[in-house]
Protein backbone atom coordinates (compact mmCIF):
# COMPACT_ATOMS: atom_id res chain seq x y z
CA MET A 1 20.85 0.97 13.32
CA ILE A 2 18.50 2.79 15.73
CA TRP A 3 14.91 3.66 14.89
CA HIS A 4 13.37 6.71 16.55
CA ALA A 5 9.63 7.05 16.50
CA ARG A 6 8.13 10.28 15.15
CA THR A 7 7.31 12.54 18.08
CA THR A 8 4.49 15.01 18.53
CA GLY A 9 4.31 17.35 15.57
CA ASP A 10 2.79 16.67 12.18
CA PHE A 11 0.87 13.63 13.41
CA GLY A 12 0.44 14.47 17.10
CA LEU A 13 2.06 11.21 18.28
CA ASP A 14 3.76 10.64 21.61
CA ALA A 15 7.38 9.59 21.59
CA ILE A 16 8.03 5.91 21.16
CA ALA A 17 10.95 3.92 22.54
CA GLU A 18 14.17 3.59 20.57
CA PHE A 19 15.26 0.30 19.04
CA GLY A 20 18.88 -0.74 19.10
CA ASP A 21 20.75 -3.22 16.96
CA THR A 22 20.35 -6.03 19.49
CA GLN A 23 16.59 -5.74 19.62
CA PRO A 24 14.55 -6.95 16.65
CA PHE A 25 12.34 -4.36 15.02
CA LEU A 26 9.25 -6.48 15.66
CA SER A 27 9.42 -6.60 19.43
CA HIS A 28 8.20 -9.59 21.36
CA HIS A 29 4.61 -9.22 22.45
CA PRO A 30 1.90 -11.44 23.92
CA ILE A 31 0.34 -13.55 21.19
CA MET A 32 -2.94 -12.11 19.97
CA SER A 33 -5.13 -14.78 18.48
CA ASP A 34 -8.41 -14.84 16.61
CA GLN A 35 -9.15 -18.18 18.29
CA PRO A 36 -7.21 -17.95 21.58
CA LEU A 37 -5.79 -21.23 22.73
CA THR A 38 -7.15 -20.58 26.22
CA GLU A 39 -10.67 -20.67 24.84
CA LEU A 40 -10.25 -24.02 23.13
CA ASP A 41 -10.70 -27.48 24.56
CA PRO A 42 -7.94 -28.29 27.12
CA ARG A 43 -7.01 -31.29 24.99
CA ILE A 44 -6.09 -28.90 22.17
CA ARG A 45 -3.84 -26.94 24.51
CA LYS A 46 -2.10 -30.19 25.46
CA GLN A 47 -1.52 -30.99 21.79
CA VAL A 48 0.10 -27.61 21.20
CA GLU A 49 2.32 -28.13 24.23
CA LYS A 50 3.23 -31.61 22.98
CA ALA A 51 4.20 -30.10 19.61
CA ARG A 52 6.32 -27.45 21.33
CA ASN A 53 8.13 -30.11 23.36
CA SER A 54 8.66 -32.21 20.24
CA ILE A 55 10.58 -29.33 18.65
CA LYS A 56 12.81 -29.11 21.71
CA SER A 57 13.50 -32.84 21.56
CA GLY A 58 14.40 -32.70 17.86
CA SER A 59 11.13 -34.16 16.50
CA ALA A 60 10.11 -31.18 14.37
CA ALA A 61 8.36 -33.39 11.81
CA PHE A 62 6.02 -34.72 14.51
CA ALA A 63 5.29 -31.17 15.67
CA ILE A 64 4.44 -30.17 12.09
CA GLU A 65 2.03 -33.11 11.79
CA ILE A 66 0.25 -32.12 15.01
CA CYS A 67 0.03 -28.40 14.23
CA MET A 68 -1.02 -28.82 10.59
CA GLY A 69 -4.09 -30.67 11.81
CA LEU A 70 -4.79 -27.99 14.40
CA VAL A 71 -4.54 -24.96 12.10
CA GLU A 72 -6.70 -26.71 9.53
CA LYS A 73 -9.42 -27.19 12.15
CA TYR A 74 -8.80 -23.92 14.02
CA PRO A 75 -7.41 -21.52 11.36
CA GLY A 76 -7.55 -18.54 13.70
CA CYS A 77 -5.43 -20.10 16.46
CA VAL A 78 -2.26 -18.06 16.12
CA GLU A 79 -0.57 -19.88 19.01
CA ALA A 80 -0.77 -23.18 17.13
CA ARG A 81 0.38 -21.49 13.93
CA GLU A 82 3.37 -19.97 15.70
CA VAL A 83 4.47 -23.38 16.98
CA LEU A 84 3.94 -24.77 13.49
CA ARG A 85 6.22 -22.09 12.04
CA GLN A 86 8.88 -22.85 14.62
CA ALA A 87 8.68 -26.52 13.70
CA GLN A 88 8.90 -25.75 9.96
CA LYS A 89 12.01 -23.65 10.50
CA ALA A 90 13.55 -26.27 12.76
CA ALA A 91 12.96 -28.94 10.13
CA LYS A 92 14.40 -26.91 7.26
CA GLY A 93 16.81 -24.53 8.93
CA THR A 94 16.81 -20.75 8.67
CA LYS A 95 19.60 -20.05 6.23
CA LYS A 96 18.92 -16.90 4.21
CA LYS A 97 18.24 -17.22 0.53
CA SER A 98 20.57 -15.83 -2.08
CA PHE A 99 19.59 -13.56 -4.94
CA LEU A 100 16.82 -14.98 -7.16
CA SER A 101 16.51 -18.25 -5.24
CA GLY A 102 13.23 -19.96 -4.45
CA LEU A 103 11.62 -19.78 -7.88
CA ALA A 104 10.65 -23.43 -7.76
CA SER A 105 8.01 -22.86 -5.05
CA LYS A 106 6.36 -20.07 -7.02
CA PRO A 107 3.80 -22.22 -8.86
CA LEU A 108 2.51 -23.58 -5.55
CA SER A 109 1.94 -20.08 -4.21
CA LYS A 110 0.16 -19.20 -7.44
CA MET A 111 -2.04 -22.26 -7.10
CA GLY A 112 -2.99 -20.94 -3.70
CA GLY A 113 -3.55 -17.51 -5.22
CA VAL A 114 -6.00 -18.96 -7.72
CA THR A 115 -7.81 -20.70 -4.86
CA LEU A 116 -7.77 -17.60 -2.65
CA LYS A 117 -11.02 -15.92 -3.68
CA LYS A 118 -12.97 -19.14 -4.17
CA ASP A 119 -11.87 -20.88 -0.98
CA PRO A 120 -9.67 -18.82 1.37
CA ALA A 121 -9.62 -21.62 3.97
CA LYS A 122 -8.11 -23.96 1.39
CA ALA A 123 -5.63 -21.24 0.40
CA MET A 124 -4.47 -21.02 4.03
CA ILE A 125 -3.76 -24.74 4.03
CA GLN A 126 -1.92 -24.43 0.72
CA ALA A 127 0.21 -21.62 2.16
CA GLU A 128 1.26 -23.80 5.10
CA LYS A 129 2.17 -26.65 2.75
CA ILE A 130 4.50 -24.27 0.90
CA LEU A 131 5.98 -23.07 4.17
CA LYS A 132 6.64 -26.66 5.20
CA ASP A 133 9.04 -26.96 2.25
CA ASP A 134 10.17 -23.34 2.28
CA PRO A 135 9.71 -21.64 5.69
CA GLN A 136 11.15 -18.42 4.26
CA SER A 137 8.66 -18.11 1.40
CA ILE A 138 7.44 -14.52 1.38
CA ASP A 139 4.79 -15.37 -1.21
CA ALA A 140 3.34 -18.08 1.03
CA GLN A 141 3.26 -15.74 4.02
CA LYS A 142 1.40 -13.15 1.97
CA LEU A 143 -0.97 -15.78 0.63
CA LEU A 144 -1.72 -16.83 4.20
CA GLY A 145 -2.27 -13.20 5.17
CA GLU A 146 -4.62 -12.42 2.28
CA ALA A 147 -6.66 -15.57 2.96
CA ALA A 148 -6.87 -14.68 6.65
CA ILE A 149 -8.20 -11.23 5.71
CA LEU A 150 -10.94 -12.82 3.62
CA LYS A 151 -11.74 -15.16 6.51
CA GLU A 152 -11.91 -12.12 8.84
CA LEU A 153 -9.03 -13.34 11.00
CA PRO A 154 -7.11 -10.08 11.59
CA HIS A 155 -4.54 -11.40 14.08
CA THR A 156 -3.75 -14.35 11.84
CA ALA A 157 -3.27 -11.91 8.95
CA VAL A 158 -0.91 -9.86 11.12
CA PHE A 159 1.06 -12.98 12.06
CA ALA A 160 1.46 -13.88 8.38
CA TYR A 161 2.56 -10.44 7.28
CA GLU A 162 4.94 -10.18 10.23
CA GLY A 163 6.66 -13.24 8.75
CA ALA A 164 6.87 -11.61 5.32
CA PHE A 165 8.14 -8.36 6.86
CA GLU A 166 10.83 -10.16 8.86
CA GLN A 167 12.09 -11.81 5.67
CA ASP A 168 12.14 -8.54 3.71
CA PRO A 169 11.94 -5.51 6.03
CA ASN A 170 12.84 -3.12 3.22
CA ASN A 171 9.83 -4.02 1.07
CA LEU A 172 7.67 -0.89 1.12
CA GLU A 173 4.38 -2.55 0.15
CA THR A 174 4.76 -5.31 2.74
CA ALA A 175 5.55 -2.77 5.45
CA LYS A 176 2.51 -0.65 4.58
CA LYS A 177 0.27 -3.69 4.51
CA LEU A 178 1.52 -4.81 7.92
CA ALA A 179 0.95 -1.32 9.35
CA ALA A 180 -2.60 -1.28 7.99
CA LEU A 181 -3.27 -4.72 9.48
CA TYR A 182 -1.88 -3.64 12.86
CA LEU A 183 -4.25 -0.68 12.74
CA GLU A 184 -7.20 -2.88 11.79
CA ALA A 185 -6.39 -5.28 14.64
CA GLY A 186 -6.14 -2.43 17.15
CA ARG A 187 -2.40 -2.93 17.73
CA ILE A 188 -1.67 0.77 17.60
CA ALA A 189 1.83 0.98 19.06
CA GLU A 190 3.09 -1.64 16.62
CA CYS A 191 1.35 0.15 13.75
CA ILE A 192 3.09 3.40 14.65
CA ARG A 193 6.48 1.67 14.92
CA VAL A 194 6.21 0.28 11.40
CA CYS A 195 4.86 3.56 9.99
CA ASP A 196 7.71 5.47 11.60
CA LYS A 197 10.20 3.20 9.85
CA ILE A 198 8.42 3.68 6.52
CA ILE A 199 8.24 7.47 6.82
CA ARG A 200 11.88 7.79 7.81
CA GLU A 201 12.93 5.78 4.75
CA HIS A 202 10.22 7.14 2.42
CA PRO A 203 9.32 10.61 3.76
CA GLY A 204 6.88 11.37 0.96
CA ASP A 205 4.85 8.18 1.14
CA GLY A 206 1.22 9.29 1.44
CA ASP A 207 -0.16 5.87 2.34
CA ALA A 208 2.03 5.57 5.42
CA GLN A 209 1.16 9.11 6.48
CA ASP A 210 -2.57 8.36 6.16
CA ILE A 211 -2.20 5.21 8.26
CA VAL A 212 -0.21 6.95 10.95
CA LYS A 213 -2.77 9.77 11.15
CA LYS A 214 -5.51 7.21 11.73
CA ALA A 215 -3.30 5.49 14.27
CA SER A 216 -2.86 8.77 16.14
CA VAL A 217 -6.64 9.12 16.34
CA ALA A 218 -6.88 5.57 17.67
CA GLN A 219 -4.11 6.24 20.16
CA SER A 220 -5.90 9.32 21.42
CA MET A 221 -9.10 7.34 21.78
CA GLN A 222 -7.30 4.68 23.77
CA GLN A 223 -5.69 7.28 26.03
CA GLY A 224 -9.09 8.95 26.52
CA LYS A 225 -10.67 5.58 27.29
CA TRP A 226 -13.14 5.99 24.47
CA GLU A 227 -12.92 2.29 23.78
CA ASP A 228 -14.85 1.15 26.86
CA GLU A 229 -17.45 -0.58 24.70
CA GLY A 230 -17.23 -2.21 21.33
CA ASP A 231 -14.19 -2.96 19.22
CA PHE A 232 -11.57 -0.57 17.92
CA ARG A 233 -12.98 -0.36 14.42
CA SER A 234 -16.35 0.91 15.62
CA LYS A 235 -14.67 3.67 17.64
CA LEU A 236 -13.04 5.53 14.78
CA LYS A 237 -14.63 8.95 14.35
CA ASN A 238 -14.97 8.41 10.65
CA LYS A 239 -16.08 4.85 10.01
CA ALA A 240 -15.83 5.46 6.28
CA GLU A 241 -12.07 5.86 6.70
CA ALA A 242 -11.87 2.41 8.24
CA GLU A 243 -13.91 0.94 5.38
CA ASN A 244 -11.60 2.60 2.86
CA LEU A 245 -8.54 1.29 4.68
CA GLU A 246 -9.92 -2.23 4.64
CA GLN A 247 -10.71 -1.99 0.94
CA ALA A 248 -7.27 -0.58 0.10
CA SER A 249 -5.58 -3.42 1.96
CA ARG A 250 -6.96 -6.00 -0.43
CA SER A 251 -4.96 -6.46 -3.61
CA THR A 252 -6.89 -6.12 -6.85
CA THR A 253 -5.98 -6.27 -10.50
CA SER A 254 -7.12 -4.17 -13.44
CA GLU A 255 -6.33 -7.06 -15.77
CA GLU A 256 -9.39 -9.13 -14.96
CA SER A 257 -9.46 -10.82 -18.35
CA LEU A 258 -5.82 -11.88 -18.00
CA GLU A 259 -6.51 -13.14 -14.50
CA GLN A 260 -9.36 -15.22 -15.88
CA LEU A 261 -7.08 -16.68 -18.56
CA ILE A 262 -4.62 -17.67 -15.84
CA ASN A 263 -7.39 -19.27 -13.80
CA ASP A 264 -8.62 -21.19 -16.85
CA ALA A 265 -5.11 -22.39 -17.69
CA TYR A 266 -4.60 -23.54 -14.11
CA ALA A 267 -7.89 -25.46 -14.27
CA ARG A 268 -6.68 -27.19 -17.44
CA ILE A 269 -3.44 -28.16 -15.71
CA GLN A 270 -5.48 -29.82 -12.97
CA GLU A 271 -7.50 -31.71 -15.59
CA GLU A 272 -4.51 -32.60 -17.81
CA PRO A 273 -1.38 -32.47 -15.60
CA GLU A 274 0.79 -34.12 -18.29
CA ASN A 275 -0.09 -31.70 -21.11
CA LEU A 276 2.91 -29.43 -21.75
CA SER A 277 0.84 -26.93 -23.71
CA ASN A 278 -1.08 -25.94 -20.60
CA TYR A 279 2.13 -25.14 -18.72
CA LYS A 280 3.46 -23.10 -21.63
CA GLN A 281 0.16 -21.24 -21.85
CA ILE A 282 0.00 -20.26 -18.19
CA SER A 283 3.65 -19.20 -18.37
CA THR A 284 2.81 -17.00 -21.34
CA TYR A 285 -0.04 -15.33 -19.46
CA TYR A 286 2.14 -14.62 -16.44
CA HIS A 287 4.85 -13.27 -18.72
CA ARG A 288 2.30 -10.99 -20.33
CA SER A 289 1.27 -9.69 -16.91
CA GLY A 290 4.89 -8.93 -16.02
CA ASP A 291 5.14 -11.68 -13.39
CA TYR A 292 8.43 -13.20 -14.50
CA GLU A 293 8.90 -15.38 -11.42
CA SER A 294 5.67 -17.25 -12.04
CA ALA A 295 6.32 -17.48 -15.78
CA ILE A 296 9.70 -19.07 -15.09
CA SER A 297 8.40 -21.37 -12.39
CA TRP A 298 5.65 -22.86 -14.54
CA ILE A 299 8.24 -23.68 -17.21
CA GLN A 300 10.30 -25.33 -14.48
CA GLU A 301 7.25 -27.37 -13.52
CA ALA A 302 6.80 -28.40 -17.17
CA ARG A 303 10.42 -29.55 -17.33
CA LYS A 304 9.78 -31.92 -14.43
CA LEU A 305 7.28 -33.87 -16.54
CA GLU A 306 8.52 -36.89 -18.43
CA SER A 307 7.61 -35.25 -21.75
CA GLY A 308 9.32 -32.02 -20.71
CA GLN A 309 12.64 -33.44 -19.58
CA ALA A 310 13.98 -33.79 -23.12
CA ASP A 311 12.26 -30.69 -24.56
CA VAL A 312 15.10 -28.32 -25.39
CA THR A 313 12.67 -25.51 -26.26
CA LEU A 314 11.62 -25.39 -22.60
CA GLU A 315 15.23 -24.96 -21.52
CA ARG A 316 15.74 -22.12 -23.97
CA LEU A 317 12.48 -20.51 -22.90
CA GLU A 318 13.44 -20.70 -19.23
CA THR A 319 16.79 -19.06 -19.96
CA LYS A 320 15.10 -16.35 -22.04
CA LEU A 321 12.57 -15.59 -19.30
CA TYR A 322 15.26 -15.60 -16.64
CA ARG A 323 17.31 -13.16 -18.67
CA GLU A 324 14.36 -10.78 -19.08
CA TYR A 325 13.53 -11.10 -15.39
CA VAL A 326 17.04 -10.36 -14.20
CA ASP A 327 17.36 -7.48 -16.66
CA SER A 328 14.19 -5.95 -15.21
CA LEU A 329 15.57 -6.30 -11.67
CA ILE A 330 18.88 -4.80 -12.73
CA GLN A 331 17.13 -1.85 -14.36
CA ALA A 332 15.11 -1.30 -11.19
CA LYS A 333 18.34 -1.33 -9.18
CA LYS A 334 19.90 1.16 -11.59
CA ASP A 335 16.88 3.41 -11.10
CA GLU A 336 17.42 3.21 -7.33
CA ILE A 337 21.04 4.22 -7.80
CA SER A 338 20.02 7.13 -10.02
CA ALA A 339 17.83 8.38 -7.20
CA ASP A 340 20.58 7.81 -4.61
CA PRO A 341 23.92 7.96 -6.51
CA ASP A 342 26.11 7.99 -3.39
CA ASN A 343 24.66 4.77 -1.95
CA ALA A 344 27.57 2.32 -1.93
CA GLU A 345 25.37 -0.55 -0.74
CA LEU A 346 23.07 -0.22 -3.77
CA LYS A 347 26.06 -0.20 -6.10
CA GLU A 348 27.45 -3.33 -4.47
CA GLU A 349 24.07 -5.03 -4.85
CA LEU A 350 24.03 -4.10 -8.54
CA GLU A 351 27.49 -5.56 -9.06
CA THR A 352 26.39 -8.79 -7.40
CA MET A 353 23.30 -8.99 -9.60
CA LEU A 354 25.32 -8.37 -12.77
CA SER A 355 27.85 -11.01 -11.77
CA GLU A 356 25.19 -13.62 -10.97
CA ARG A 357 23.35 -12.85 -14.21
CA LYS A 358 26.49 -13.39 -16.26
CA THR A 359 27.52 -16.56 -14.46
CA TYR A 360 24.09 -18.17 -14.63
CA LEU A 361 23.47 -17.42 -18.29
CA ILE A 362 26.92 -18.48 -19.48
CA GLU A 363 26.93 -21.71 -17.46
CA THR A 364 23.38 -22.62 -18.45
CA THR A 365 23.92 -21.97 -22.15
CA ALA A 366 27.30 -23.69 -22.18
CA ASP A 367 25.67 -26.78 -20.69
CA LEU A 368 22.93 -26.62 -23.32
CA VAL A 369 25.48 -26.45 -26.15
CA LYS A 370 27.42 -29.35 -24.66
CA ARG A 371 24.33 -31.56 -24.47
CA TYR A 372 22.88 -30.46 -27.82
CA PRO A 373 25.86 -29.66 -30.11
CA ASN A 374 23.58 -29.29 -33.16
CA ASP A 375 21.36 -26.71 -31.46
CA TYR A 376 22.64 -23.73 -33.45
CA ALA A 377 20.22 -21.31 -31.80
CA ALA A 378 21.81 -22.17 -28.45
CA ARG A 379 25.24 -21.61 -29.97
CA HIS A 380 24.12 -18.18 -31.17
CA GLN A 381 22.96 -17.30 -27.67
CA TYR A 382 26.16 -18.68 -26.16
CA GLY A 383 28.24 -16.67 -28.61
CA GLU A 384 26.36 -13.50 -27.71
CA LEU A 385 26.95 -14.07 -23.99
CA LEU A 386 30.64 -14.79 -24.53
CA LEU A 387 30.98 -11.62 -26.58
CA GLU A 388 29.33 -9.60 -23.82
CA ASP A 389 31.77 -11.17 -21.35
CA GLY A 390 34.79 -10.22 -23.45
CA GLN A 391 35.61 -13.81 -24.48
CA THR A 392 35.83 -12.75 -28.11
CA ASP A 393 37.64 -15.70 -29.67
CA LEU A 394 35.33 -18.26 -28.06
CA ALA A 395 32.37 -16.13 -29.18
CA ILE A 396 33.61 -16.12 -32.77
CA GLN A 397 33.92 -19.90 -32.70
CA GLN A 398 30.31 -20.35 -31.55
CA LEU A 399 28.91 -17.72 -33.93
CA GLN A 400 30.66 -19.22 -36.95
CA ILE A 401 28.88 -22.52 -36.22
CA SER A 402 25.50 -20.88 -35.53
CA LEU A 403 25.49 -19.44 -39.07
CA ARG A 404 24.23 -22.87 -40.20
CA ASN A 405 20.78 -22.15 -38.79
CA PRO A 406 18.77 -19.87 -41.12
CA LYS A 407 16.68 -18.62 -38.18
CA VAL A 408 19.67 -17.09 -36.39
CA ARG A 409 21.95 -16.53 -39.39
CA ILE A 410 21.38 -12.76 -39.70
CA PRO A 411 21.83 -11.92 -36.00
CA SER A 412 24.82 -14.28 -35.91
CA LEU A 413 26.44 -12.45 -38.85
CA ASN A 414 25.83 -9.16 -37.05
CA LEU A 415 27.41 -10.41 -33.84
CA LEU A 416 30.28 -12.01 -35.72
CA GLY A 417 30.96 -8.67 -37.40
CA GLN A 418 30.93 -6.96 -34.00
CA ALA A 419 33.37 -9.54 -32.66
CA TYR A 420 35.82 -8.92 -35.52
CA LYS A 421 35.30 -5.18 -35.11
CA SER A 422 36.22 -5.39 -31.41
CA LYS A 423 39.52 -7.01 -32.45
CA SER A 424 40.07 -4.20 -35.02
CA PHE A 425 39.71 -6.71 -37.88
CA PHE A 426 37.66 -4.15 -39.78
CA ASP A 427 37.91 -5.80 -43.21
CA LEU A 428 36.66 -9.14 -41.84
CA ALA A 429 33.92 -7.33 -39.90
CA ALA A 430 32.80 -5.47 -43.03
CA GLU A 431 32.48 -8.78 -44.90
CA GLN A 432 30.04 -10.09 -42.27
CA PHE A 433 27.96 -6.90 -42.31
CA GLU A 434 27.90 -6.81 -46.13
CA THR A 435 26.72 -10.43 -46.24
CA ALA A 436 24.04 -9.83 -43.64
CA LYS A 437 22.87 -6.65 -45.37
CA GLY A 438 22.49 -8.45 -48.69
CA GLU A 439 20.30 -11.16 -47.14
CA ILE A 440 17.70 -8.75 -45.68
CA ASN A 441 14.89 -7.41 -47.82
CA GLY A 442 13.53 -3.95 -47.06
CA MET A 443 14.71 -1.66 -44.27
CA SER A 444 14.21 -3.06 -40.78
CA GLU A 445 15.74 -2.13 -37.42
CA ILE A 446 18.26 -4.95 -37.61
CA LYS A 447 19.22 -3.90 -41.13
CA LYS A 448 19.75 -0.30 -40.02
CA GLU A 449 22.00 -1.53 -37.23
CA ILE A 450 23.98 -3.71 -39.61
CA ILE A 451 24.40 -0.90 -42.17
CA TYR A 452 25.52 1.48 -39.44
CA ASN A 453 28.09 -1.05 -38.21
CA LEU A 454 29.30 -1.49 -41.79
CA ALA A 455 29.66 2.27 -42.23
CA GLU A 456 31.73 2.49 -39.05
CA CYS A 457 34.06 -0.20 -40.37
CA TYR A 458 34.57 1.77 -43.58
CA GLU A 459 35.33 4.87 -41.52
CA LYS A 460 37.92 2.96 -39.53
CA MET A 461 39.51 1.86 -42.83
CA ASP A 462 39.49 5.51 -44.07
CA GLU A 463 37.06 4.63 -46.84
CA THR A 464 34.94 7.75 -46.27
CA THR A 465 32.95 7.59 -49.51
CA LYS A 466 31.83 4.02 -48.84
CA ALA A 467 30.93 4.96 -45.27
CA ILE A 468 28.81 7.93 -46.35
CA ASP A 469 27.01 5.80 -48.95
CA GLN A 470 25.95 3.47 -46.14
CA TYR A 471 24.85 6.32 -43.87
CA LYS A 472 22.83 7.76 -46.78
CA GLU A 473 20.87 4.52 -47.07
CA ILE A 474 19.78 4.85 -43.45
CA TYR A 475 19.21 8.61 -43.79
CA SER A 476 16.82 8.15 -46.70
CA SER A 477 14.75 5.75 -44.59
CA ASP A 478 15.11 7.07 -41.02
CA ILE A 479 16.64 10.52 -40.52
CA GLY A 480 16.43 10.13 -36.75
CA TYR A 481 18.49 6.94 -36.49
CA ARG A 482 21.37 7.46 -34.04
CA ASP A 483 23.65 10.28 -35.29
CA VAL A 484 23.20 9.60 -39.01
CA SER A 485 21.71 13.04 -39.66
CA LYS A 486 24.71 14.74 -38.04
CA LYS A 487 27.16 12.66 -40.08
CA ILE A 488 25.41 13.48 -43.35
CA ASP A 489 25.20 17.21 -42.51
CA GLU A 490 28.91 17.31 -41.64
CA PHE A 491 29.83 15.49 -44.85
CA TYR A 492 27.98 17.94 -47.09
CA ALA A 493 29.19 20.93 -45.09
CA ASN A 494 32.82 19.86 -45.52
CA ARG A 495 32.32 19.08 -49.21
CA ASN A 496 30.75 22.50 -49.90
CA LYS A 497 33.72 24.24 -48.24
CA SER A 498 36.17 22.53 -50.59
């Protein structure tokens, strides 16, 4: 794929060089450092060179040890951090992650996120510890970048977000953040390159257009040699624009109370690291905020504890959260396809996601049933998944057993009825729906669904009167449920004709 920079026109920019497939989008450039290595003690430069040579000789672990000490003492030395990243990748390899991998490192990045505002220097160290185990962690790169911003280390922030961008170049928010950081650091050509990519893929994105307009002003100032004195930021015609850009680049949350609850829960985990309740609580808060990855990862952390290893409720909760998470990602992908229905690549990605979702859930639940044969709730879930997968007979077997648990008896009867119905065993299906209906007091959503399913079975058996009696029950409670109103209207219209 070839990227062409936006030429003079809407934004008054000069043409920028094309990029071919063999050249990475982030072109090689001289390292820009907040604490240049050339300005440090010569002994430090020798240490960095020793670390670089250690990577070449296959001693990446030694290079990591050297550079971790250096970046902790000199957090703005991008040269040392670059060698450290090379060593981390050499030690772990650079194989790309598959869909939904890497959840296990999420709690560590969140720990760093909690530390971020209180102690950004400590958060930077935490980020590098994550990257040591997972050099491809986008969350850790972003954590490093945000901490560097708070420490007023713009080139370090750029370096971090370049790493995140390289891992996920199609992430719009990461690309915009990197462009803003390039602008803040005075790296105008690189800012324009990233903005050009964003605008070509998202023509209506106002943030990218604002950044590129400011970049064009900066470019003009550079060409006019207006930057003879002072730094780039002080040379913008409208300093307020620069202040607004800086403020917009920092992530904030409108859910301050929820953030505080998360911080408090994390503090309790530090005080009582063996208390499962604290892990469940922080997972709940993240779930409430819509951060499924963190919610799942904290449950995974709880399951590593001795008390959590045999806690079947944690396994069920992890599966439930995973299912919700994947469903949200699948829905987002479907929305993308709706906006671009001819995109074959998006459709292929959706098929992959659906396949991985099905495989993971079925295998996980099957394993749970095998290890805990008397866990009828797990059997209900397994039966539901099998039914969705078209394995009807196996689903029926699991659902018949799950009826023994009063907590899942009603939904199991409903699913069992649907399984029989799919096999055209309408009389057997009707028995399940009748039983389930009789065990529910009042009119709830599940009862309406069950009655509707029962009515459909009667229709299939040509027992119209019984079917209409069922539809009437729903009609008298909820006239807007599905097509019940239409069915009742048609019934009375036909009866009045005869």
